[in-house]
Amino acid sequence: MPAEPNVRNNSWKLEDAKARFSEVVRRARSEGPQHVTVRGRDSVVVISTEELKKLTKIETRAPFVEFMEGLGLDKLPLERDVDRGREIDL
């Protein structure tokens, strides 16, 4: 029988993860990410779809014009003197 995973950090050796894949998936859904090691080194992480959705959530952004209009810049006093350029001797 394969060894128990390292419960402290939810780490599985590849051969144990393969033999008990259903349990790896169950624990990923109930306990969080499950780390799989190959030759003693971290290799992959099994996570639930809910966790993946949280990590890859794309925030919708307002179009640029709406964003600029939403800043309230129309309330700023933006007056300036008429600038006719400078005189240059030719």
N, C-alpha and C. Protein backbone atom coordinates (compact mmCIF):
# COMPACT_ATOMS: atom_id res chain seq x y z
N MET A 1 0.85 -1.19 0.00
CA MET A 1 0.00 0.00 0.00
C MET A 1 0.88 1.24 0.00
N PRO A 2 0.55 2.26 -0.82
CA PRO A 2 1.37 3.47 -0.88
C PRO A 2 1.39 4.21 0.45
N ALA A 3 2.44 4.95 0.65
CA ALA A 3 2.58 5.72 1.89
C ALA A 3 1.57 6.85 1.92
N GLU A 4 1.23 7.28 3.12
CA GLU A 4 0.35 8.43 3.30
C GLU A 4 1.07 9.69 2.78
N PRO A 5 0.32 10.63 2.26
CA PRO A 5 0.96 11.88 1.84
C PRO A 5 1.46 12.63 3.04
N ASN A 6 2.35 13.54 2.80
CA ASN A 6 2.82 14.40 3.87
C ASN A 6 1.69 15.38 4.17
N VAL A 7 0.88 15.05 5.17
CA VAL A 7 -0.33 15.81 5.46
C VAL A 7 -0.02 17.24 5.86
N ARG A 8 1.14 17.46 6.45
CA ARG A 8 1.49 18.80 6.92
C ARG A 8 1.47 19.81 5.78
N ASN A 9 1.96 19.43 4.61
CA ASN A 9 1.96 20.39 3.50
C ASN A 9 1.29 19.83 2.25
N ASN A 10 0.51 18.76 2.42
CA ASN A 10 -0.24 18.16 1.30
C ASN A 10 0.66 17.83 0.12
N SER A 11 1.74 17.13 0.39
CA SER A 11 2.71 16.78 -0.63
C SER A 11 2.67 15.28 -0.90
N TRP A 12 2.68 14.91 -2.17
CA TRP A 12 2.62 13.51 -2.59
C TRP A 12 3.81 13.18 -3.48
N LYS A 13 4.36 12.00 -3.33
CA LYS A 13 5.32 11.50 -4.30
C LYS A 13 4.53 11.12 -5.54
N LEU A 14 5.14 11.24 -6.71
CA LEU A 14 4.44 10.98 -7.96
C LEU A 14 3.80 9.60 -7.97
N GLU A 15 4.53 8.59 -7.56
CA GLU A 15 3.98 7.23 -7.61
C GLU A 15 2.77 7.08 -6.68
N ASP A 16 2.79 7.77 -5.53
CA ASP A 16 1.65 7.73 -4.62
C ASP A 16 0.46 8.50 -5.20
N ALA A 17 0.75 9.64 -5.82
CA ALA A 17 -0.32 10.44 -6.42
C ALA A 17 -0.99 9.67 -7.56
N LYS A 18 -0.19 8.94 -8.34
CA LYS A 18 -0.76 8.15 -9.42
C LYS A 18 -1.63 7.03 -8.88
N ALA A 19 -1.14 6.35 -7.85
CA ALA A 19 -1.88 5.22 -7.28
C ALA A 19 -3.16 5.66 -6.57
N ARG A 20 -3.16 6.87 -6.05
CA ARG A 20 -4.31 7.35 -5.26
C ARG A 20 -4.85 8.66 -5.82
N PHE A 21 -4.93 8.73 -7.13
CA PHE A 21 -5.33 9.97 -7.78
C PHE A 21 -6.69 10.48 -7.32
N SER A 22 -7.64 9.58 -7.13
CA SER A 22 -8.97 10.00 -6.67
C SER A 22 -8.87 10.73 -5.33
N GLU A 23 -8.00 10.24 -4.45
CA GLU A 23 -7.83 10.89 -3.15
C GLU A 23 -7.14 12.25 -3.30
N VAL A 24 -6.17 12.32 -4.20
CA VAL A 24 -5.49 13.60 -4.45
C VAL A 24 -6.53 14.64 -4.90
N VAL A 25 -7.41 14.24 -5.81
CA VAL A 25 -8.45 15.14 -6.31
C VAL A 25 -9.40 15.53 -5.18
N ARG A 26 -9.83 14.54 -4.40
CA ARG A 26 -10.76 14.82 -3.29
C ARG A 26 -10.14 15.81 -2.31
N ARG A 27 -8.87 15.59 -1.97
CA ARG A 27 -8.20 16.50 -1.03
C ARG A 27 -7.98 17.88 -1.63
N ALA A 28 -7.71 17.94 -2.92
CA ALA A 28 -7.55 19.25 -3.58
C ALA A 28 -8.84 20.05 -3.46
N ARG A 29 -9.96 19.37 -3.57
CA ARG A 29 -11.25 20.06 -3.47
C ARG A 29 -11.60 20.42 -2.03
N SER A 30 -11.23 19.57 -1.07
CA SER A 30 -11.65 19.81 0.31
C SER A 30 -10.60 20.50 1.18
N GLU A 31 -9.32 20.25 0.90
CA GLU A 31 -8.26 20.77 1.77
C GLU A 31 -7.37 21.82 1.11
N GLY A 32 -7.47 21.94 -0.21
CA GLY A 32 -6.62 22.92 -0.89
C GLY A 32 -5.59 22.25 -1.78
N PRO A 33 -4.69 23.04 -2.34
CA PRO A 33 -3.72 22.54 -3.32
C PRO A 33 -2.92 21.34 -2.81
N GLN A 34 -2.72 20.38 -3.71
CA GLN A 34 -1.95 19.16 -3.42
C GLN A 34 -0.69 19.19 -4.27
N HIS A 35 0.45 19.16 -3.63
CA HIS A 35 1.75 19.24 -4.32
C HIS A 35 2.21 17.83 -4.67
N VAL A 36 2.72 17.67 -5.88
CA VAL A 36 3.25 16.39 -6.32
C VAL A 36 4.73 16.57 -6.61
N THR A 37 5.53 15.67 -6.04
CA THR A 37 6.98 15.76 -6.23
C THR A 37 7.47 14.65 -7.14
N VAL A 38 8.52 14.95 -7.89
CA VAL A 38 9.20 13.98 -8.73
C VAL A 38 10.65 13.98 -8.32
N ARG A 39 11.13 12.82 -7.92
CA ARG A 39 12.51 12.67 -7.42
C ARG A 39 12.81 13.66 -6.31
N GLY A 40 11.84 13.87 -5.43
CA GLY A 40 12.03 14.73 -4.26
C GLY A 40 11.90 16.23 -4.51
N ARG A 41 11.60 16.62 -5.74
CA ARG A 41 11.46 18.05 -6.06
C ARG A 41 10.03 18.37 -6.44
N ASP A 42 9.55 19.54 -6.01
CA ASP A 42 8.21 19.97 -6.40
C ASP A 42 8.11 19.95 -7.91
N SER A 43 6.98 19.40 -8.41
CA SER A 43 6.81 19.30 -9.85
C SER A 43 5.52 19.94 -10.31
N VAL A 44 4.40 19.53 -9.72
CA VAL A 44 3.10 20.09 -10.10
C VAL A 44 2.24 20.26 -8.86
N VAL A 45 1.15 21.03 -9.05
CA VAL A 45 0.18 21.22 -7.99
C VAL A 45 -1.19 20.93 -8.56
N VAL A 46 -1.96 20.12 -7.84
CA VAL A 46 -3.33 19.82 -8.24
C VAL A 46 -4.24 20.74 -7.42
N ILE A 47 -5.08 21.52 -8.13
CA ILE A 47 -5.99 22.44 -7.44
C ILE A 47 -7.41 22.23 -7.96
N SER A 48 -8.37 22.68 -7.20
CA SER A 48 -9.77 22.57 -7.61
C SER A 48 -10.08 23.62 -8.67
N THR A 49 -11.16 23.38 -9.40
CA THR A 49 -11.57 24.36 -10.41
C THR A 49 -11.96 25.68 -9.76
N GLU A 50 -12.54 25.63 -8.57
CA GLU A 50 -12.90 26.86 -7.87
C GLU A 50 -11.66 27.69 -7.58
N GLU A 51 -10.60 27.02 -7.12
CA GLU A 51 -9.34 27.72 -6.83
C GLU A 51 -8.75 28.30 -8.11
N LEU A 52 -8.80 27.55 -9.19
CA LEU A 52 -8.28 28.04 -10.48
C LEU A 52 -9.05 29.27 -10.93
N LYS A 53 -10.37 29.25 -10.78
CA LYS A 53 -11.17 30.41 -11.18
C LYS A 53 -10.80 31.64 -10.37
N LYS A 54 -10.52 31.46 -9.07
CA LYS A 54 -10.10 32.60 -8.24
C LYS A 54 -8.77 33.16 -8.74
N LEU A 55 -7.86 32.27 -9.08
CA LEU A 55 -6.51 32.69 -9.49
C LEU A 55 -6.48 33.33 -10.87
N THR A 56 -7.41 32.93 -11.74
CA THR A 56 -7.37 33.42 -13.11
C THR A 56 -8.51 34.38 -13.42
N LYS A 57 -9.18 34.87 -12.40
CA LYS A 57 -10.31 35.78 -12.60
C LYS A 57 -9.84 37.03 -13.35
N ILE A 58 -10.55 37.32 -14.41
CA ILE A 58 -10.24 38.51 -15.21
C ILE A 58 -11.23 39.60 -14.82
N GLU A 59 -10.71 40.69 -14.36
CA GLU A 59 -11.56 41.81 -13.99
C GLU A 59 -11.97 42.56 -15.24
N THR A 60 -13.27 42.84 -15.31
CA THR A 60 -13.72 43.62 -16.46
C THR A 60 -13.34 45.08 -16.24
N ARG A 61 -12.89 45.70 -17.29
CA ARG A 61 -12.45 47.09 -17.20
C ARG A 61 -13.38 47.96 -18.04
N ALA A 62 -13.62 49.14 -17.54
CA ALA A 62 -14.45 50.09 -18.29
C ALA A 62 -13.65 50.57 -19.49
N PRO A 63 -14.36 50.86 -20.59
CA PRO A 63 -13.66 51.45 -21.74
C PRO A 63 -12.96 52.74 -21.32
N PHE A 64 -11.92 53.11 -22.04
CA PHE A 64 -11.08 54.24 -21.66
C PHE A 64 -11.88 55.53 -21.49
N VAL A 65 -12.79 55.80 -22.41
CA VAL A 65 -13.56 57.06 -22.33
C VAL A 65 -14.39 57.07 -21.05
N GLU A 66 -15.06 55.96 -20.75
CA GLU A 66 -15.86 55.89 -19.52
C GLU A 66 -14.97 56.06 -18.29
N PHE A 67 -13.79 55.47 -18.32
CA PHE A 67 -12.85 55.60 -17.21
C PHE A 67 -12.48 57.06 -16.99
N MET A 68 -12.11 57.76 -18.07
CA MET A 68 -11.72 59.16 -17.96
C MET A 68 -12.88 60.03 -17.49
N GLU A 69 -14.07 59.77 -18.02
CA GLU A 69 -15.24 60.55 -17.60
C GLU A 69 -15.56 60.30 -16.13
N GLY A 70 -15.28 59.13 -15.64
CA GLY A 70 -15.56 58.79 -14.25
C GLY A 70 -14.60 59.40 -13.26
N LEU A 71 -13.52 60.00 -13.71
CA LEU A 71 -12.54 60.60 -12.80
C LEU A 71 -13.00 61.94 -12.22
N GLY A 72 -14.05 62.52 -12.80
CA GLY A 72 -14.55 63.80 -12.30
C GLY A 72 -13.66 64.98 -12.66
N LEU A 73 -12.95 64.90 -13.75
CA LEU A 73 -12.05 65.98 -14.16
C LEU A 73 -12.79 67.23 -14.59
N ASP A 74 -14.08 67.10 -14.92
CA ASP A 74 -14.84 68.28 -15.34
C ASP A 74 -15.02 69.27 -14.20
N LYS A 75 -14.75 68.86 -12.97
CA LYS A 75 -14.88 69.74 -11.81
C LYS A 75 -13.59 70.50 -11.50
N LEU A 76 -12.52 70.17 -12.19
CA LEU A 76 -11.24 70.85 -11.95
C LEU A 76 -11.22 72.20 -12.66
N PRO A 77 -10.67 73.24 -12.00
CA PRO A 77 -10.54 74.55 -12.67
C PRO A 77 -9.36 74.52 -13.65
N LEU A 78 -9.66 74.30 -14.90
CA LEU A 78 -8.60 74.17 -15.90
C LEU A 78 -8.63 75.35 -16.88
N GLU A 79 -8.39 76.54 -16.37
CA GLU A 79 -8.34 77.73 -17.22
C GLU A 79 -6.89 78.16 -17.39
N ARG A 80 -6.58 78.68 -18.55
CA ARG A 80 -5.23 79.17 -18.77
C ARG A 80 -5.27 80.36 -19.72
N ASP A 81 -4.22 81.15 -19.69
CA ASP A 81 -4.12 82.30 -20.58
C ASP A 81 -3.93 81.82 -22.02
N VAL A 82 -4.39 82.64 -22.94
CA VAL A 82 -4.20 82.32 -24.34
C VAL A 82 -2.71 82.40 -24.65
N ASP A 83 -2.17 81.42 -25.28
CA ASP A 83 -0.75 81.36 -25.61
C ASP A 83 -0.61 81.50 -27.12
N ARG A 84 -0.01 82.58 -27.55
CA ARG A 84 0.15 82.82 -28.99
C ARG A 84 1.57 82.47 -29.44
N GLY A 85 2.27 81.77 -28.65
CA GLY A 85 3.63 81.39 -29.00
C GLY A 85 4.61 82.48 -28.62
N ARG A 86 5.82 82.37 -29.05
CA ARG A 86 6.83 83.39 -28.73
C ARG A 86 7.31 84.06 -30.01
N GLU A 87 7.81 85.23 -29.83
CA GLU A 87 8.33 85.98 -30.99
C GLU A 87 9.77 85.56 -31.24
N ILE A 88 10.06 85.36 -32.50
CA ILE A 88 11.40 84.95 -32.89
C ILE A 88 11.91 85.94 -33.93
N ASP A 89 13.15 86.42 -33.72
CA ASP A 89 13.77 87.30 -34.71
C ASP A 89 14.27 86.46 -35.89
N LEU A 90 13.84 86.85 -37.07
CA LEU A 90 14.30 86.13 -38.28
C LEU A 90 15.30 86.93 -39.04
